[in-house]
Amino acid sequence: MALVATIGLGAIGGPVSAVAGASDTVAASIGVVIRACRVTATASGLVGYQRPDGPRAAAVIAARRPRPVAVFLGDSYTSGWHGIGEDSAGWPSILGVVRHWSVHDLAVAGTGFVNPGWTDQPIGSEVGAAIALRPGIVFVAGGHNDEDLASGPVALAADRVLDRLAAGLPDAVLVVIGPIWPDGRPKATIVRLRDHLRSRAAGLGALFIDPIAAGWFAGANERFIGPDGTHPTASGYRRIATLVGAALETDPRLSFSLARDKVAAVAVSPTALSEVGTMAAAPGSGACPS
């Protein structure tokens, strides 16, 4: 007999849930099979469930689904700087843990859309590598280091980056983060670039995040900037992870909470299932919650 589960769809790394009758074996498309009356897949890729023969017994099973690939392009606000905000302490990695992503941070410190930095690697030089990774989501966070360059050429270079990503990754979600500024007084060139990126992102169907308008490091939030007056402190990089995560919640393609509203019926054959993981049962009645 086939069982029918309700599976949440649509969010990259977002939650999936399935509910079936008590004592039925249910397998969701995420690759988790358990005997339960309630199944919940979380953003971490783990599934909590309740056994019908245990009173709300808790257990966790690792979902056997591939982690979505997330690629990050940008400057030192994304790569980290001098040992701070780098690798696992960087906001891409922090966000990747929360959202169960396979993170590839291709950001290069000191670079911009035109500014090649001291490594001769403007942001556009990493687009080919980003496309080759076939990510489900791509972040472009740059422009700060183009502050002293003419706005026209910078805008054109930014367009080339975004257009190439959109063409090479038509099924990926593109997230454009405007220039990050260390206080509430961005230069006019930065504001013009921010406005241009917002318009271009809208035209491409990308999510645009505006750190300047949101005051990420303005006013009292300047305390999250380090002694060099430009780069965030360790807390500042963690703050970026929190703020970007909150911004993702505004997009139905990326939101944990909004994914619950996108459901589809999936027929599951019990004969194709195999139980995985370890159950942690507790003594008591076996009644499933209604």
Protein backbone atom coordinates (compact mmCIF):
# COMPACT_ATOMS: atom_id res chain seq x y z
CA MET A 1 0.00 0.00 0.00
CA ALA A 2 1.37 3.40 -0.94
CA LEU A 3 1.45 6.10 1.67
CA VAL A 4 1.05 9.80 1.01
CA ALA A 5 3.21 12.37 2.79
CA THR A 6 3.09 16.15 2.57
CA ILE A 7 6.49 17.46 1.59
CA GLY A 8 7.49 21.12 1.79
CA LEU A 9 9.27 22.31 -1.36
CA GLY A 10 10.93 25.38 -2.70
CA ALA A 11 13.48 26.61 -0.18
CA ILE A 12 17.17 26.00 -0.79
CA GLY A 13 18.31 24.33 2.39
CA GLY A 14 14.91 25.10 3.89
CA PRO A 15 12.70 22.85 6.01
CA VAL A 16 10.71 19.92 4.74
CA SER A 17 7.97 18.22 6.72
CA ALA A 18 5.92 15.08 6.36
CA VAL A 19 2.96 13.86 8.39
CA ALA A 20 1.49 10.38 8.08
CA GLY A 21 -0.81 8.10 10.04
CA ALA A 22 0.42 6.45 13.23
CA SER A 23 2.52 3.29 12.82
CA ASP A 24 3.04 3.91 9.12
CA THR A 25 6.50 3.88 7.59
CA VAL A 26 7.14 7.11 5.73
CA ALA A 27 9.95 8.10 3.41
CA ALA A 28 10.31 11.65 2.20
CA SER A 29 12.16 12.61 -0.94
CA ILE A 30 14.98 13.86 1.28
CA GLY A 31 16.08 10.26 1.77
CA VAL A 32 15.02 9.68 5.37
CA VAL A 33 13.02 6.61 6.29
CA ILE A 34 11.54 6.09 9.75
CA ARG A 35 8.62 4.44 11.43
CA ALA A 36 6.76 7.31 13.00
CA CYS A 37 3.60 9.32 13.24
CA ARG A 38 5.31 12.64 12.69
CA VAL A 39 8.42 13.48 10.69
CA THR A 40 10.19 16.83 10.52
CA ALA A 41 13.20 17.62 8.39
CA THR A 42 15.13 20.67 9.47
CA ALA A 43 17.51 23.06 7.77
CA SER A 44 20.45 21.18 9.21
CA GLY A 45 19.47 18.12 7.24
CA LEU A 46 18.39 16.24 10.36
CA VAL A 47 15.00 14.74 11.02
CA GLY A 48 13.26 14.65 14.36
CA TYR A 49 10.43 12.20 14.82
CA GLN A 50 8.14 10.53 17.35
CA ARG A 51 7.72 6.77 17.45
CA PRO A 52 4.18 5.41 17.76
CA ASP A 53 5.43 2.98 20.44
CA GLY A 54 7.10 5.65 22.57
CA PRO A 55 5.60 8.74 24.22
CA ARG A 56 6.97 11.59 22.16
CA ALA A 57 10.28 9.76 22.02
CA ALA A 58 12.89 12.00 20.39
CA ALA A 59 15.35 10.83 17.79
CA VAL A 60 17.47 12.35 15.10
CA ILE A 61 18.33 10.82 11.75
CA ALA A 62 20.78 12.30 9.28
CA ALA A 63 19.08 12.92 5.99
CA ARG A 64 20.81 11.25 3.09
CA ARG A 65 20.39 14.14 0.71
CA PRO A 66 23.16 16.13 -0.94
CA ARG A 67 23.90 19.52 0.54
CA PRO A 68 23.07 22.40 -1.83
CA VAL A 69 26.15 24.16 -3.15
CA ALA A 70 26.49 27.84 -2.27
CA VAL A 71 29.14 30.06 -3.88
CA PHE A 72 30.29 33.44 -2.57
CA LEU A 73 32.04 36.15 -4.58
CA GLY A 74 33.30 39.40 -3.12
CA ASP A 75 36.04 41.15 -1.18
CA SER A 76 37.43 41.00 2.36
CA TYR A 77 33.98 41.55 3.86
CA THR A 78 33.28 38.05 2.55
CA SER A 79 36.72 36.41 2.57
CA GLY A 80 37.70 37.67 6.01
CA TRP A 81 40.78 39.71 6.84
CA HIS A 82 44.03 38.98 8.66
CA GLY A 83 42.73 35.94 10.51
CA ILE A 84 39.37 37.44 11.44
CA GLY A 85 36.18 36.25 9.77
CA GLU A 86 38.06 33.65 7.75
CA ASP A 87 37.22 30.01 7.02
CA SER A 88 34.82 28.57 9.62
CA ALA A 89 34.60 31.97 11.36
CA GLY A 90 33.48 33.72 8.18
CA TRP A 91 29.88 34.61 7.54
CA PRO A 92 29.59 32.31 4.49
CA SER A 93 30.63 29.30 6.59
CA ILE A 94 28.40 30.29 9.49
CA LEU A 95 25.44 30.64 7.16
CA GLY A 96 26.36 27.36 5.47
CA VAL A 97 26.22 25.47 8.76
CA VAL A 98 22.81 26.92 9.59
CA ARG A 99 21.42 26.17 6.13
CA HIS A 100 23.22 22.89 5.49
CA TRP A 101 25.04 24.22 2.43
CA SER A 102 28.28 23.10 0.88
CA VAL A 103 30.08 26.45 0.92
CA HIS A 104 32.65 27.63 -1.63
CA ASP A 105 33.99 31.06 -0.70
CA LEU A 106 35.74 32.49 -3.78
CA ALA A 107 35.95 36.03 -2.40
CA VAL A 108 39.35 37.74 -2.68
CA ALA A 109 40.40 40.50 -0.29
CA GLY A 110 41.16 43.90 -1.78
CA THR A 111 39.24 43.38 -5.01
CA GLY A 112 36.21 44.99 -6.61
CA PHE A 113 34.28 44.83 -9.86
CA VAL A 114 37.05 46.83 -11.53
CA ASN A 115 39.71 47.05 -8.83
CA PRO A 116 41.97 43.98 -9.26
CA GLY A 117 43.50 44.38 -5.82
CA TRP A 118 47.07 43.29 -5.21
CA THR A 119 46.35 39.79 -6.59
CA ASP A 120 45.02 40.93 -9.98
CA GLN A 121 41.71 39.15 -9.36
CA PRO A 122 38.70 41.42 -9.86
CA ILE A 123 35.41 39.76 -8.97
CA GLY A 124 34.76 38.87 -12.61
CA SER A 125 37.85 36.67 -12.68
CA GLU A 126 36.12 34.18 -10.36
CA VAL A 127 32.85 33.88 -12.31
CA GLY A 128 34.03 30.93 -14.39
CA ALA A 129 35.01 29.00 -11.28
CA ALA A 130 31.67 29.83 -9.69
CA ILE A 131 29.71 28.53 -12.67
CA ALA A 132 31.79 25.35 -12.82
CA LEU A 133 30.69 24.48 -9.27
CA ARG A 134 27.04 24.38 -10.45
CA PRO A 135 25.69 25.99 -7.27
CA GLY A 136 22.07 26.34 -6.32
CA ILE A 137 22.70 29.77 -4.87
CA VAL A 138 25.32 32.44 -5.63
CA PHE A 139 26.15 35.50 -3.52
CA VAL A 140 27.84 38.54 -5.05
CA ALA A 141 28.94 41.02 -2.38
CA GLY A 142 31.30 43.68 -3.67
CA GLY A 143 31.96 47.24 -4.69
CA HIS A 144 33.57 48.65 -1.57
CA ASN A 145 37.03 48.64 -3.14
CA ASP A 146 35.77 50.47 -6.23
CA GLU A 147 35.08 53.55 -4.13
CA ASP A 148 37.65 55.75 -5.88
CA LEU A 149 36.90 54.62 -9.44
CA ALA A 150 34.54 56.13 -12.01
CA SER A 151 30.99 54.92 -11.56
CA GLY A 152 30.34 54.11 -15.24
CA PRO A 153 33.04 51.48 -15.75
CA VAL A 154 32.32 49.94 -12.34
CA ALA A 155 28.62 49.59 -13.17
CA LEU A 156 29.44 47.96 -16.51
CA ALA A 157 31.84 45.52 -14.88
CA ALA A 158 29.24 44.63 -12.26
CA ASP A 159 26.68 44.02 -15.01
CA ARG A 160 29.05 41.65 -16.76
CA VAL A 161 29.51 39.65 -13.56
CA LEU A 162 25.79 39.38 -12.86
CA ASP A 163 24.84 38.70 -16.49
CA ARG A 164 27.39 35.91 -16.82
CA LEU A 165 26.19 34.28 -13.61
CA ALA A 166 22.55 34.53 -14.66
CA ALA A 167 23.29 33.06 -18.09
CA GLY A 168 25.60 30.32 -16.84
CA LEU A 169 23.43 29.32 -13.88
CA PRO A 170 19.83 29.79 -15.03
CA ASP A 171 18.42 27.62 -12.24
CA ALA A 172 20.43 29.14 -9.40
CA VAL A 173 19.18 31.79 -7.01
CA LEU A 174 21.29 34.94 -7.28
CA VAL A 175 21.76 37.11 -4.19
CA VAL A 176 23.31 40.53 -4.74
CA ILE A 177 24.61 42.31 -1.65
CA GLY A 178 25.28 46.00 -2.16
CA PRO A 179 28.57 47.57 -1.07
CA ILE A 180 29.26 47.14 2.62
CA TRP A 181 30.42 50.33 4.30
CA PRO A 182 32.03 50.60 7.76
CA ASP A 183 29.97 53.58 8.92
CA GLY A 184 26.87 55.55 8.01
CA ARG A 185 28.68 57.91 5.64
CA PRO A 186 29.29 56.09 2.34
CA LYS A 187 30.94 57.94 -0.54
CA ALA A 188 28.78 59.18 -3.40
CA THR A 189 30.36 56.65 -5.76
CA ILE A 190 29.33 53.84 -3.42
CA VAL A 191 25.76 55.09 -3.20
CA ARG A 192 25.54 55.28 -7.01
CA LEU A 193 26.87 51.75 -7.33
CA ARG A 194 24.41 50.54 -4.68
CA ASP A 195 21.52 52.07 -6.62
CA HIS A 196 22.72 50.53 -9.87
CA LEU A 197 23.11 47.08 -8.33
CA ARG A 198 19.63 47.25 -6.86
CA SER A 199 18.14 48.04 -10.27
CA ARG A 200 20.18 45.36 -12.04
CA ALA A 201 19.30 42.74 -9.45
CA ALA A 202 15.60 43.47 -9.91
CA GLY A 203 15.94 43.02 -13.64
CA LEU A 204 17.53 39.61 -13.16
CA GLY A 205 15.07 38.39 -10.55
CA ALA A 206 17.81 38.35 -7.92
CA LEU A 207 17.40 39.05 -4.23
CA PHE A 208 19.03 42.38 -3.38
CA ILE A 209 20.33 43.10 0.12
CA ASP A 210 21.20 46.69 1.01
CA PRO A 211 23.68 46.96 3.91
CA ILE A 212 23.82 50.78 3.66
CA ALA A 213 20.06 51.32 3.93
CA ALA A 214 19.86 48.74 6.70
CA GLY A 215 22.62 50.48 8.67
CA TRP A 216 24.67 47.33 9.16
CA PHE A 217 27.64 49.28 10.53
CA ALA A 218 26.15 52.75 10.99
CA GLY A 219 25.79 54.67 14.23
CA ALA A 220 26.06 52.45 17.29
CA ASN A 221 26.81 49.51 15.01
CA GLU A 222 30.23 50.99 14.22
CA ARG A 223 31.37 49.10 17.31
CA PHE A 224 31.41 46.00 15.10
CA ILE A 225 34.22 47.53 13.00
CA GLY A 226 37.82 46.83 14.02
CA PRO A 227 40.62 49.27 14.81
CA ASP A 228 41.58 49.72 11.14
CA GLY A 229 38.25 51.50 10.63
CA THR A 230 37.30 49.30 7.68
CA HIS A 231 37.07 45.61 8.51
CA PRO A 232 34.63 43.99 10.91
CA THR A 233 35.60 42.46 14.20
CA ALA A 234 34.91 38.76 14.77
CA SER A 235 31.53 39.82 16.16
CA GLY A 236 31.05 41.99 13.08
CA TYR A 237 31.51 39.05 10.72
CA ARG A 238 29.05 37.02 12.79
CA ARG A 239 26.69 39.98 12.56
CA ILE A 240 26.86 39.82 8.75
CA ALA A 241 25.84 36.15 8.89
CA THR A 242 22.84 37.04 11.04
CA LEU A 243 21.79 39.95 8.84
CA VAL A 244 22.14 38.04 5.58
CA GLY A 245 20.22 35.12 7.07
CA ALA A 246 17.40 37.45 8.07
CA ALA A 247 17.32 38.96 4.58
CA LEU A 248 17.03 35.50 3.00
CA GLU A 249 13.84 34.99 4.98
CA THR A 250 12.16 37.67 2.85
CA ASP A 251 12.51 35.57 -0.31
CA PRO A 252 10.12 32.58 -0.70
CA ARG A 253 12.83 30.70 -2.62
CA LEU A 254 15.14 30.84 0.38
CA SER A 255 12.96 31.21 3.45
CA PHE A 256 12.72 28.48 6.05
CA SER A 257 9.31 29.61 7.24
CA LEU A 258 7.72 30.37 3.88
CA ALA A 259 8.66 26.93 2.55
CA ARG A 260 5.93 25.44 4.71
CA ASP A 261 3.40 27.03 2.40
CA LYS A 262 4.71 25.16 -0.64
CA VAL A 263 3.61 21.54 -0.41
CA ALA A 264 3.12 18.64 -2.75
CA ALA A 265 1.73 15.14 -2.26
CA VAL A 266 4.34 12.46 -2.69
CA ALA A 267 3.41 8.77 -3.00
CA VAL A 268 5.81 6.51 -1.14
CA SER A 269 6.00 2.72 -1.48
CA PRO A 270 6.81 0.95 1.81
CA THR A 271 8.54 -1.85 -0.09
CA ALA A 272 11.17 0.63 -1.26
CA LEU A 273 12.05 1.82 2.23
CA SER A 274 14.81 0.91 4.63
CA GLU A 275 15.02 2.23 8.12
CA VAL A 276 18.09 4.35 8.91
CA GLY A 277 19.61 5.94 11.99
CA THR A 278 19.20 5.19 15.68
CA MET A 279 16.01 5.66 17.62
CA ALA A 280 16.02 7.00 21.14
CA ALA A 281 12.94 5.58 22.82
CA ALA A 282 11.59 6.51 26.24
CA PRO A 283 9.24 4.45 28.41
CA GLY A 284 5.60 5.33 28.50
CA SER A 285 2.46 5.11 26.44
CA GLY A 286 2.75 4.73 22.69
CA ALA A 287 -0.01 7.13 21.76
CA CYS A 288 0.79 9.51 18.95
CA PRO A 289 -0.20 13.15 19.41
CA SER A 290 -3.28 14.17 17.54
